[in-house]
Amino acid sequence: MAKQALIVVDIQNDYFPQGKWPLVGAEAAADNAVRLLDAFREAGDAVVHIRHEFTSDDAPFFTPNSEGAKLHPKVTNRADEPVVLKHFVNSFRETDLQAILDEQGIKHLVVVGSMSHMCIDGITRAAADLGYTVTVIHDACATRDLEFNGVSVPAAHVHAAFMSALGFAYASVVSAEEFLAGKR
């Protein structure tokens, strides 16, 4: 089997209930991400954390050097797990993520984190375009209610639409339970 890495995307304090940009289901998604994190660590597989920070103090969330921009305590990295700092939706853009993965011979990415409709979508599509095999753990991702042109879109619908699109052409989309039971 090709070498795999768990990519923990933007599970940061501002996305939780007391943060500046809370997501629907952030706690449950983080709990499932922890299950994957534990399994990858136990298996000795690679883990890479992604941390988003905007470059301006005027940002709505993830402001530079803020408590909200820190990784959530549930998923704090170990010393041997790199944290990639990014400033864009796409985790590969202007970061060393691809170099970290290529240096370890990683061919398969397992993606968890937030937000389903932004950074999960961005990393999944970019990774597929770069030739990686990608699995998204849908119940280890979270998003929020959106609005478009006067239409309110509940988070569950946003999430379902993006997981469906990613599953159509970019990734295998499975639950944490399915993945941990061996459906990889």
N, C-alpha and C. Protein backbone atom coordinates (compact mmCIF):
# COMPACT_ATOMS: atom_id res chain seq x y z
N MET A 1 0.84 -1.20 0.00
CA MET A 1 0.00 0.00 0.00
C MET A 1 0.88 1.24 0.00
N ALA A 2 0.47 2.22 -0.74
CA ALA A 2 1.22 3.48 -0.80
C ALA A 2 1.23 4.14 0.58
N LYS A 3 2.29 4.86 0.84
CA LYS A 3 2.39 5.56 2.12
C LYS A 3 1.29 6.62 2.22
N GLN A 4 0.73 6.73 3.42
CA GLN A 4 -0.35 7.68 3.63
C GLN A 4 -0.03 8.66 4.75
N ALA A 5 -0.71 9.79 4.72
CA ALA A 5 -0.58 10.79 5.76
C ALA A 5 -1.96 11.33 6.12
N LEU A 6 -2.16 11.56 7.39
CA LEU A 6 -3.36 12.25 7.85
C LEU A 6 -3.07 13.74 7.80
N ILE A 7 -3.95 14.48 7.12
CA ILE A 7 -3.80 15.93 7.03
C ILE A 7 -4.92 16.55 7.88
N VAL A 8 -4.54 17.20 8.95
CA VAL A 8 -5.48 17.79 9.90
C VAL A 8 -5.57 19.29 9.57
N VAL A 9 -6.66 19.67 8.92
CA VAL A 9 -6.78 21.00 8.34
C VAL A 9 -7.56 21.96 9.25
N ASP A 10 -6.91 22.97 9.73
CA ASP A 10 -7.56 24.12 10.38
C ASP A 10 -8.50 23.78 11.52
N ILE A 11 -8.16 22.80 12.33
CA ILE A 11 -8.97 22.56 13.53
C ILE A 11 -8.40 23.49 14.59
N GLN A 12 -8.92 24.70 14.58
CA GLN A 12 -8.38 25.82 15.36
C GLN A 12 -9.46 26.41 16.26
N ASN A 13 -9.02 27.09 17.29
CA ASN A 13 -9.92 27.58 18.33
C ASN A 13 -11.07 28.45 17.83
N ASP A 14 -10.85 29.30 16.85
CA ASP A 14 -11.91 30.20 16.39
C ASP A 14 -13.11 29.47 15.80
N TYR A 15 -12.96 28.21 15.43
CA TYR A 15 -14.08 27.45 14.86
C TYR A 15 -14.96 26.78 15.91
N PHE A 16 -14.61 26.90 17.16
CA PHE A 16 -15.37 26.26 18.24
C PHE A 16 -16.31 27.26 18.89
N PRO A 17 -17.27 26.80 19.70
CA PRO A 17 -18.34 27.67 20.22
C PRO A 17 -17.90 29.00 20.83
N GLN A 18 -16.77 29.06 21.47
CA GLN A 18 -16.33 30.33 22.08
C GLN A 18 -15.47 31.17 21.15
N GLY A 19 -15.24 30.69 19.92
CA GLY A 19 -14.38 31.39 18.97
C GLY A 19 -15.11 32.46 18.18
N LYS A 20 -14.37 33.11 17.29
CA LYS A 20 -14.91 34.20 16.47
C LYS A 20 -15.74 33.72 15.29
N TRP A 21 -15.62 32.44 14.87
CA TRP A 21 -16.26 31.96 13.64
C TRP A 21 -16.74 30.52 13.88
N PRO A 22 -17.64 30.31 14.84
CA PRO A 22 -18.02 28.94 15.20
C PRO A 22 -18.71 28.19 14.06
N LEU A 23 -18.39 26.92 13.97
CA LEU A 23 -18.95 26.05 12.94
C LEU A 23 -19.99 25.12 13.56
N VAL A 24 -20.92 24.71 12.75
CA VAL A 24 -21.92 23.73 13.17
C VAL A 24 -21.23 22.37 13.24
N GLY A 25 -21.31 21.73 14.39
CA GLY A 25 -20.73 20.39 14.53
C GLY A 25 -19.23 20.34 14.71
N ALA A 26 -18.61 21.45 15.10
CA ALA A 26 -17.15 21.49 15.25
C ALA A 26 -16.66 20.47 16.28
N GLU A 27 -17.35 20.34 17.39
CA GLU A 27 -16.91 19.42 18.45
C GLU A 27 -16.97 17.97 17.97
N ALA A 28 -18.09 17.58 17.36
CA ALA A 28 -18.24 16.20 16.89
C ALA A 28 -17.22 15.88 15.80
N ALA A 29 -17.01 16.82 14.90
CA ALA A 29 -16.02 16.60 13.83
C ALA A 29 -14.62 16.46 14.43
N ALA A 30 -14.29 17.30 15.40
CA ALA A 30 -12.97 17.22 16.03
C ALA A 30 -12.81 15.90 16.78
N ASP A 31 -13.87 15.42 17.40
CA ASP A 31 -13.79 14.14 18.10
C ASP A 31 -13.48 13.00 17.12
N ASN A 32 -14.11 13.04 15.94
CA ASN A 32 -13.79 12.02 14.92
C ASN A 32 -12.38 12.20 14.38
N ALA A 33 -11.95 13.44 14.23
CA ALA A 33 -10.57 13.68 13.80
C ALA A 33 -9.58 13.10 14.80
N VAL A 34 -9.88 13.22 16.08
CA VAL A 34 -9.02 12.66 17.12
C VAL A 34 -8.93 11.14 16.99
N ARG A 35 -10.03 10.49 16.65
CA ARG A 35 -10.01 9.03 16.45
C ARG A 35 -9.03 8.67 15.33
N LEU A 36 -9.06 9.44 14.25
CA LEU A 36 -8.13 9.19 13.14
C LEU A 36 -6.71 9.51 13.57
N LEU A 37 -6.54 10.61 14.26
CA LEU A 37 -5.22 11.01 14.73
C LEU A 37 -4.61 9.91 15.61
N ASP A 38 -5.40 9.38 16.52
CA ASP A 38 -4.90 8.30 17.38
C ASP A 38 -4.51 7.08 16.56
N ALA A 39 -5.33 6.72 15.57
CA ALA A 39 -5.05 5.54 14.74
C ALA A 39 -3.79 5.73 13.91
N PHE A 40 -3.61 6.91 13.34
CA PHE A 40 -2.42 7.18 12.54
C PHE A 40 -1.17 7.17 13.41
N ARG A 41 -1.27 7.75 14.58
CA ARG A 41 -0.12 7.75 15.48
C ARG A 41 0.23 6.34 15.90
N GLU A 42 -0.78 5.55 16.24
CA GLU A 42 -0.54 4.16 16.67
C GLU A 42 0.10 3.34 15.56
N ALA A 43 -0.33 3.58 14.31
CA ALA A 43 0.21 2.84 13.16
C ALA A 43 1.58 3.35 12.71
N GLY A 44 2.00 4.49 13.24
CA GLY A 44 3.27 5.08 12.82
C GLY A 44 3.18 5.78 11.47
N ASP A 45 1.96 6.10 11.04
CA ASP A 45 1.78 6.83 9.78
C ASP A 45 2.00 8.32 10.00
N ALA A 46 2.30 9.01 8.93
CA ALA A 46 2.58 10.44 9.00
C ALA A 46 1.33 11.25 9.34
N VAL A 47 1.55 12.33 10.07
CA VAL A 47 0.49 13.29 10.40
C VAL A 47 1.05 14.68 10.12
N VAL A 48 0.28 15.48 9.38
CA VAL A 48 0.66 16.87 9.12
C VAL A 48 -0.52 17.74 9.51
N HIS A 49 -0.25 18.75 10.31
CA HIS A 49 -1.27 19.71 10.73
C HIS A 49 -1.18 20.96 9.85
N ILE A 50 -2.33 21.49 9.52
CA ILE A 50 -2.39 22.74 8.76
C ILE A 50 -3.01 23.79 9.68
N ARG A 51 -2.39 24.95 9.74
CA ARG A 51 -2.91 26.04 10.57
C ARG A 51 -3.03 27.28 9.71
N HIS A 52 -4.26 27.80 9.62
CA HIS A 52 -4.55 28.98 8.82
C HIS A 52 -4.42 30.23 9.70
N GLU A 53 -3.76 31.22 9.15
CA GLU A 53 -3.66 32.51 9.82
C GLU A 53 -3.74 33.58 8.74
N PHE A 54 -4.66 34.50 8.91
CA PHE A 54 -4.72 35.61 7.97
C PHE A 54 -3.56 36.55 8.24
N THR A 55 -3.24 37.40 7.30
CA THR A 55 -2.08 38.28 7.46
C THR A 55 -2.45 39.63 8.07
N SER A 56 -3.74 39.87 8.29
CA SER A 56 -4.19 41.17 8.81
C SER A 56 -4.91 41.02 10.14
N ASP A 57 -4.70 41.97 11.01
CA ASP A 57 -5.43 42.00 12.27
C ASP A 57 -6.90 42.32 12.06
N ASP A 58 -7.27 42.78 10.88
CA ASP A 58 -8.66 43.10 10.56
C ASP A 58 -9.46 41.89 10.09
N ALA A 59 -8.82 40.73 10.02
CA ALA A 59 -9.50 39.51 9.55
C ALA A 59 -10.64 39.16 10.51
N PRO A 60 -11.70 38.52 9.99
CA PRO A 60 -12.83 38.17 10.85
C PRO A 60 -12.51 37.07 11.86
N PHE A 61 -11.50 36.26 11.59
CA PHE A 61 -11.07 35.20 12.50
C PHE A 61 -9.64 34.82 12.10
N PHE A 62 -9.01 33.95 12.89
CA PHE A 62 -7.63 33.51 12.65
C PHE A 62 -6.68 34.71 12.47
N THR A 63 -6.83 35.71 13.32
CA THR A 63 -5.94 36.87 13.23
C THR A 63 -4.54 36.48 13.71
N PRO A 64 -3.53 37.14 13.19
CA PRO A 64 -2.15 36.77 13.51
C PRO A 64 -1.88 36.72 15.02
N ASN A 65 -1.22 35.65 15.43
CA ASN A 65 -0.77 35.45 16.81
C ASN A 65 -1.89 35.46 17.85
N SER A 66 -3.12 35.18 17.42
CA SER A 66 -4.24 35.18 18.36
C SER A 66 -4.48 33.79 18.94
N GLU A 67 -5.17 33.75 20.05
CA GLU A 67 -5.57 32.48 20.66
C GLU A 67 -6.48 31.70 19.69
N GLY A 68 -7.33 32.42 18.98
CA GLY A 68 -8.25 31.78 18.04
C GLY A 68 -7.55 31.10 16.88
N ALA A 69 -6.36 31.56 16.53
CA ALA A 69 -5.61 30.97 15.40
C ALA A 69 -4.79 29.75 15.82
N LYS A 70 -4.74 29.46 17.11
CA LYS A 70 -3.97 28.29 17.58
C LYS A 70 -4.74 27.01 17.29
N LEU A 71 -3.99 25.92 17.12
CA LEU A 71 -4.62 24.61 16.98
C LEU A 71 -5.45 24.32 18.23
N HIS A 72 -6.60 23.70 18.01
CA HIS A 72 -7.46 23.34 19.14
C HIS A 72 -6.74 22.29 20.00
N PRO A 73 -6.89 22.36 21.32
CA PRO A 73 -6.19 21.41 22.20
C PRO A 73 -6.46 19.94 21.88
N LYS A 74 -7.61 19.62 21.32
CA LYS A 74 -7.91 18.22 20.99
C LYS A 74 -6.93 17.65 19.96
N VAL A 75 -6.38 18.49 19.10
CA VAL A 75 -5.55 18.00 18.00
C VAL A 75 -4.14 18.61 18.00
N THR A 76 -3.68 19.01 19.14
CA THR A 76 -2.34 19.61 19.21
C THR A 76 -1.31 18.63 18.65
N ASN A 77 -0.42 19.17 17.87
CA ASN A 77 0.60 18.32 17.23
C ASN A 77 1.64 17.85 18.24
N ARG A 78 2.20 16.68 17.94
CA ARG A 78 3.35 16.19 18.68
C ARG A 78 4.60 16.82 18.05
N ALA A 79 5.70 16.71 18.73
CA ALA A 79 6.95 17.34 18.26
C ALA A 79 7.38 16.82 16.89
N ASP A 80 7.04 15.57 16.56
CA ASP A 80 7.45 15.00 15.28
C ASP A 80 6.41 15.22 14.17
N GLU A 81 5.36 15.97 14.45
CA GLU A 81 4.31 16.25 13.47
C GLU A 81 4.39 17.70 13.02
N PRO A 82 4.73 17.93 11.76
CA PRO A 82 4.87 19.31 11.30
C PRO A 82 3.54 20.06 11.28
N VAL A 83 3.64 21.36 11.50
CA VAL A 83 2.50 22.26 11.37
C VAL A 83 2.82 23.21 10.22
N VAL A 84 1.99 23.16 9.19
CA VAL A 84 2.17 24.01 8.02
C VAL A 84 1.31 25.25 8.20
N LEU A 85 1.95 26.40 8.21
CA LEU A 85 1.22 27.67 8.31
C LEU A 85 0.83 28.12 6.91
N LYS A 86 -0.45 28.42 6.73
CA LYS A 86 -0.92 28.88 5.41
C LYS A 86 -1.69 30.18 5.56
N HIS A 87 -1.78 30.91 4.45
CA HIS A 87 -2.50 32.16 4.41
C HIS A 87 -3.59 32.17 3.34
N PHE A 88 -3.81 31.02 2.71
CA PHE A 88 -4.79 30.90 1.63
C PHE A 88 -5.66 29.66 1.86
N VAL A 89 -6.75 29.56 1.13
CA VAL A 89 -7.64 28.41 1.22
C VAL A 89 -6.91 27.12 0.86
N ASN A 90 -6.16 27.13 -0.21
CA ASN A 90 -5.44 25.96 -0.69
C ASN A 90 -4.19 25.76 0.18
N SER A 91 -4.13 24.67 0.89
CA SER A 91 -3.02 24.39 1.81
C SER A 91 -1.68 24.20 1.11
N PHE A 92 -1.69 23.96 -0.19
CA PHE A 92 -0.45 23.80 -0.95
C PHE A 92 0.11 25.15 -1.42
N ARG A 93 -0.74 26.16 -1.48
CA ARG A 93 -0.32 27.44 -2.05
C ARG A 93 0.65 28.17 -1.13
N GLU A 94 1.85 28.39 -1.64
CA GLU A 94 2.91 29.14 -0.95
C GLU A 94 3.24 28.55 0.42
N THR A 95 3.19 27.19 0.50
CA THR A 95 3.61 26.49 1.73
C THR A 95 4.58 25.38 1.33
N ASP A 96 5.11 24.70 2.34
CA ASP A 96 6.00 23.58 2.08
C ASP A 96 5.29 22.24 2.23
N LEU A 97 3.96 22.23 2.16
CA LEU A 97 3.21 20.99 2.33
C LEU A 97 3.63 19.92 1.33
N GLN A 98 3.68 20.26 0.06
CA GLN A 98 4.04 19.25 -0.94
C GLN A 98 5.45 18.72 -0.69
N ALA A 99 6.37 19.56 -0.34
CA ALA A 99 7.75 19.12 -0.06
C ALA A 99 7.78 18.17 1.13
N ILE A 100 7.02 18.45 2.16
CA ILE A 100 6.96 17.57 3.33
C ILE A 100 6.43 16.20 2.93
N LEU A 101 5.36 16.18 2.15
CA LEU A 101 4.76 14.92 1.72
C LEU A 101 5.69 14.15 0.79
N ASP A 102 6.26 14.84 -0.17
CA ASP A 102 7.13 14.17 -1.14
C ASP A 102 8.40 13.63 -0.48
N GLU A 103 8.92 14.35 0.49
CA GLU A 103 10.12 13.91 1.21
C GLU A 103 9.88 12.58 1.92
N GLN A 104 8.65 12.34 2.34
CA GLN A 104 8.30 11.10 3.03
C GLN A 104 7.72 10.05 2.10
N GLY A 105 7.63 10.36 0.82
CA GLY A 105 7.09 9.40 -0.14
C GLY A 105 5.60 9.17 0.00
N ILE A 106 4.89 10.15 0.50
CA ILE A 106 3.44 10.04 0.72
C ILE A 106 2.72 10.10 -0.62
N LYS A 107 1.82 9.16 -0.83
CA LYS A 107 1.02 9.11 -2.05
C LYS A 107 -0.48 9.24 -1.78
N HIS A 108 -0.90 8.95 -0.53
CA HIS A 108 -2.32 8.95 -0.17
C HIS A 108 -2.55 9.90 0.99
N LEU A 109 -3.46 10.85 0.81
CA LEU A 109 -3.79 11.80 1.87
C LEU A 109 -5.17 11.47 2.43
N VAL A 110 -5.27 11.49 3.74
CA VAL A 110 -6.54 11.34 4.44
C VAL A 110 -6.79 12.69 5.10
N VAL A 111 -7.89 13.33 4.69
CA VAL A 111 -8.15 14.72 5.06
C VAL A 111 -9.29 14.82 6.06
N VAL A 112 -9.03 15.59 7.12
CA VAL A 112 -10.05 15.92 8.13
C VAL A 112 -9.92 17.40 8.45
N GLY A 113 -10.99 18.02 8.96
CA GLY A 113 -10.88 19.40 9.41
C GLY A 113 -11.97 20.32 8.91
N SER A 114 -11.60 21.57 8.72
CA SER A 114 -12.59 22.61 8.43
C SER A 114 -12.05 23.64 7.46
N MET A 115 -12.91 24.36 6.85
CA MET A 115 -14.35 24.22 6.65
C MET A 115 -14.59 23.39 5.40
N SER A 116 -15.63 22.58 5.45
CA SER A 116 -15.94 21.68 4.33
C SER A 116 -15.99 22.42 3.00
N HIS A 117 -16.63 23.58 3.00
CA HIS A 117 -16.85 24.31 1.75
C HIS A 117 -15.69 25.22 1.34
N MET A 118 -14.67 25.27 2.12
CA MET A 118 -13.53 26.14 1.79
C MET A 118 -12.23 25.32 1.78
N CYS A 119 -11.59 25.22 2.91
CA CYS A 119 -10.24 24.64 2.95
C CYS A 119 -10.23 23.14 2.74
N ILE A 120 -11.27 22.42 3.13
CA ILE A 120 -11.32 20.98 2.83
C ILE A 120 -11.50 20.80 1.32
N ASP A 121 -12.39 21.56 0.75
CA ASP A 121 -12.58 21.53 -0.71
C ASP A 121 -11.28 21.92 -1.41
N GLY A 122 -10.64 22.99 -0.95
CA GLY A 122 -9.42 23.48 -1.59
C GLY A 122 -8.28 22.49 -1.57
N ILE A 123 -8.00 21.90 -0.40
CA ILE A 123 -6.88 20.96 -0.31
C ILE A 123 -7.18 19.68 -1.08
N THR A 124 -8.42 19.23 -1.05
CA THR A 124 -8.77 17.98 -1.73
C THR A 124 -8.61 18.12 -3.23
N ARG A 125 -9.14 19.17 -3.80
CA ARG A 125 -9.02 19.37 -5.24
C ARG A 125 -7.56 19.57 -5.66
N ALA A 126 -6.83 20.36 -4.88
CA ALA A 126 -5.42 20.60 -5.22
C ALA A 126 -4.61 19.31 -5.12
N ALA A 127 -4.85 18.53 -4.07
CA ALA A 127 -4.10 17.28 -3.89
C ALA A 127 -4.38 16.32 -5.04
N ALA A 128 -5.64 16.20 -5.43
CA ALA A 128 -5.98 15.33 -6.56
C ALA A 128 -5.30 15.82 -7.83
N ASP A 129 -5.30 17.13 -8.05
CA ASP A 129 -4.66 17.69 -9.24
C ASP A 129 -3.15 17.44 -9.22
N LEU A 130 -2.56 17.34 -8.04
CA LEU A 130 -1.13 17.08 -7.91
C LEU A 130 -0.79 15.59 -7.98
N GLY A 131 -1.81 14.75 -8.10
CA GLY A 131 -1.57 13.32 -8.28
C GLY A 131 -1.69 12.47 -7.03
N TYR A 132 -2.07 13.05 -5.92
CA TYR A 132 -2.26 12.26 -4.71
C TYR A 132 -3.61 11.54 -4.78
N THR A 133 -3.69 10.38 -4.15
CA THR A 133 -4.96 9.73 -3.90
C THR A 133 -5.49 10.34 -2.61
N VAL A 134 -6.77 10.71 -2.57
CA VAL A 134 -7.30 11.45 -1.42
C VAL A 134 -8.54 10.74 -0.87
N THR A 135 -8.59 10.65 0.45
CA THR A 135 -9.77 10.21 1.17
C THR A 135 -10.17 11.34 2.10
N VAL A 136 -11.44 11.72 2.05
CA VAL A 136 -11.98 12.73 2.98
C VAL A 136 -12.87 12.00 3.97
N ILE A 137 -12.64 12.26 5.25
CA ILE A 137 -13.46 11.68 6.30
C ILE A 137 -14.59 12.68 6.60
N HIS A 138 -15.75 12.41 6.02
CA HIS A 138 -16.82 13.42 6.02
C HIS A 138 -17.31 13.80 7.41
N ASP A 139 -17.33 12.87 8.36
CA ASP A 139 -17.83 13.21 9.69
C ASP A 139 -16.71 13.72 10.61
N ALA A 140 -15.55 13.98 10.03
CA ALA A 140 -14.46 14.63 10.75
C ALA A 140 -14.19 16.00 10.13
N CYS A 141 -15.22 16.52 9.44
CA CYS A 141 -15.16 17.86 8.83
C CYS A 141 -16.38 18.65 9.30
N ALA A 142 -16.24 19.96 9.35
CA ALA A 142 -17.36 20.81 9.78
C ALA A 142 -17.42 22.05 8.90
N THR A 143 -18.60 22.67 8.92
CA THR A 143 -18.81 23.89 8.15
C THR A 143 -19.83 24.76 8.89
N ARG A 144 -20.41 25.71 8.21
CA ARG A 144 -21.37 26.62 8.84
C ARG A 144 -22.49 26.93 7.87
N ASP A 145 -23.56 27.52 8.40
CA ASP A 145 -24.65 27.97 7.55
C ASP A 145 -24.11 29.06 6.63
N LEU A 146 -24.60 29.08 5.41
CA LEU A 146 -24.20 30.09 4.45
C LEU A 146 -25.42 30.81 3.91
N GLU A 147 -25.18 31.88 3.20
CA GLU A 147 -26.25 32.64 2.55
C GLU A 147 -25.76 32.99 1.15
N PHE A 148 -26.66 32.83 0.18
CA PHE A 148 -26.35 33.24 -1.18
C PHE A 148 -27.58 33.84 -1.82
N ASN A 149 -27.44 35.08 -2.24
CA ASN A 149 -28.50 35.75 -2.99
C ASN A 149 -29.84 35.70 -2.27
N GLY A 150 -29.78 35.91 -0.96
CA GLY A 150 -30.99 35.91 -0.16
C GLY A 150 -31.48 34.55 0.27
N VAL A 151 -30.77 33.50 -0.10
CA VAL A 151 -31.16 32.13 0.27
C VAL A 151 -30.26 31.65 1.40
N SER A 152 -30.87 31.23 2.50
CA SER A 152 -30.10 30.65 3.60
C SER A 152 -29.89 29.17 3.33
N VAL A 153 -28.65 28.73 3.48
CA VAL A 153 -28.30 27.34 3.23
C VAL A 153 -27.78 26.75 4.54
N PRO A 154 -28.52 25.80 5.12
CA PRO A 154 -28.08 25.20 6.39
C PRO A 154 -26.75 24.46 6.22
N ALA A 155 -25.98 24.45 7.28
CA ALA A 155 -24.66 23.81 7.26
C ALA A 155 -24.73 22.37 6.77
N ALA A 156 -25.74 21.63 7.17
CA ALA A 156 -25.85 20.23 6.75
C ALA A 156 -25.96 20.13 5.23
N HIS A 157 -26.65 21.08 4.61
CA HIS A 157 -26.78 21.07 3.14
C HIS A 157 -25.48 21.52 2.47
N VAL A 158 -24.83 22.50 3.05
CA VAL A 158 -23.53 22.94 2.53
C VAL A 158 -22.56 21.76 2.55
N HIS A 159 -22.48 21.12 3.70
CA HIS A 159 -21.57 19.99 3.88
C HIS A 159 -21.88 18.87 2.88
N ALA A 160 -23.15 18.51 2.79
CA ALA A 160 -23.55 17.42 1.89
C ALA A 160 -23.22 17.75 0.44
N ALA A 161 -23.46 18.97 0.03
CA ALA A 161 -23.17 19.36 -1.36
C ALA A 161 -21.68 19.26 -1.66
N PHE A 162 -20.86 19.73 -0.75
CA PHE A 162 -19.42 19.68 -1.00
C PHE A 162 -18.87 18.27 -0.91
N MET A 163 -19.34 17.46 0.03
CA MET A 163 -18.87 16.08 0.11
C MET A 163 -19.29 15.31 -1.14
N SER A 164 -20.50 15.57 -1.62
CA SER A 164 -20.97 14.90 -2.84
C SER A 164 -20.10 15.27 -4.03
N ALA A 165 -19.78 16.55 -4.16
CA ALA A 165 -18.95 17.00 -5.28
C ALA A 165 -17.54 16.41 -5.20
N LEU A 166 -16.96 16.41 -4.00
CA LEU A 166 -15.62 15.85 -3.85
C LEU A 166 -15.62 14.36 -4.13
N GLY A 167 -16.65 13.67 -3.68
CA GLY A 167 -16.75 12.24 -3.88
C GLY A 167 -16.99 11.85 -5.33
N PHE A 168 -17.50 12.77 -6.11
CA PHE A 168 -17.77 12.48 -7.52
C PHE A 168 -16.49 12.38 -8.34
N ALA A 169 -15.53 13.27 -8.07
CA ALA A 169 -14.38 13.33 -8.97
C ALA A 169 -13.02 13.48 -8.31
N TYR A 170 -12.98 13.76 -7.01
CA TYR A 170 -11.69 14.11 -6.41
C TYR A 170 -11.21 13.19 -5.30
N ALA A 171 -12.12 12.49 -4.64
CA ALA A 171 -11.71 11.75 -3.45
C ALA A 171 -12.69 10.63 -3.14
N SER A 172 -12.23 9.72 -2.34
CA SER A 172 -13.13 8.78 -1.69
C SER A 172 -13.64 9.51 -0.45
N VAL A 173 -14.94 9.50 -0.23
CA VAL A 173 -15.52 10.20 0.92
C VAL A 173 -16.20 9.16 1.80
N VAL A 174 -15.65 8.94 2.99
CA VAL A 174 -16.15 7.92 3.89
C VAL A 174 -16.24 8.47 5.32
N SER A 175 -16.94 7.73 6.17
CA SER A 175 -17.04 8.11 7.58
C SER A 175 -15.78 7.66 8.32
N ALA A 176 -15.59 8.19 9.51
CA ALA A 176 -14.47 7.75 10.34
C ALA A 176 -14.58 6.26 10.63
N GLU A 177 -15.80 5.82 10.93
CA GLU A 177 -16.02 4.41 11.22
C GLU A 177 -15.63 3.52 10.04
N GLU A 178 -16.06 3.91 8.84
CA GLU A 178 -15.73 3.13 7.64
C GLU A 178 -14.21 3.08 7.43
N PHE A 179 -13.56 4.22 7.57
CA PHE A 179 -12.12 4.26 7.35
C PHE A 179 -11.39 3.40 8.37
N LEU A 180 -11.76 3.55 9.63
CA LEU A 180 -11.08 2.80 10.70
C LEU A 180 -11.36 1.31 10.61
N ALA A 181 -12.48 0.94 10.01
CA ALA A 181 -12.80 -0.48 9.83
C ALA A 181 -12.09 -1.10 8.63
N GLY A 182 -11.31 -0.28 7.93
CA GLY A 182 -10.50 -0.81 6.85
C GLY A 182 -10.90 -0.42 5.46
N LYS A 183 -11.97 0.37 5.31
CA LYS A 183 -12.34 0.85 3.97
C LYS A 183 -11.49 2.06 3.67
N ARG A 184 -10.36 1.83 3.04
CA ARG A 184 -9.41 2.92 2.78
C ARG A 184 -9.36 3.10 1.31
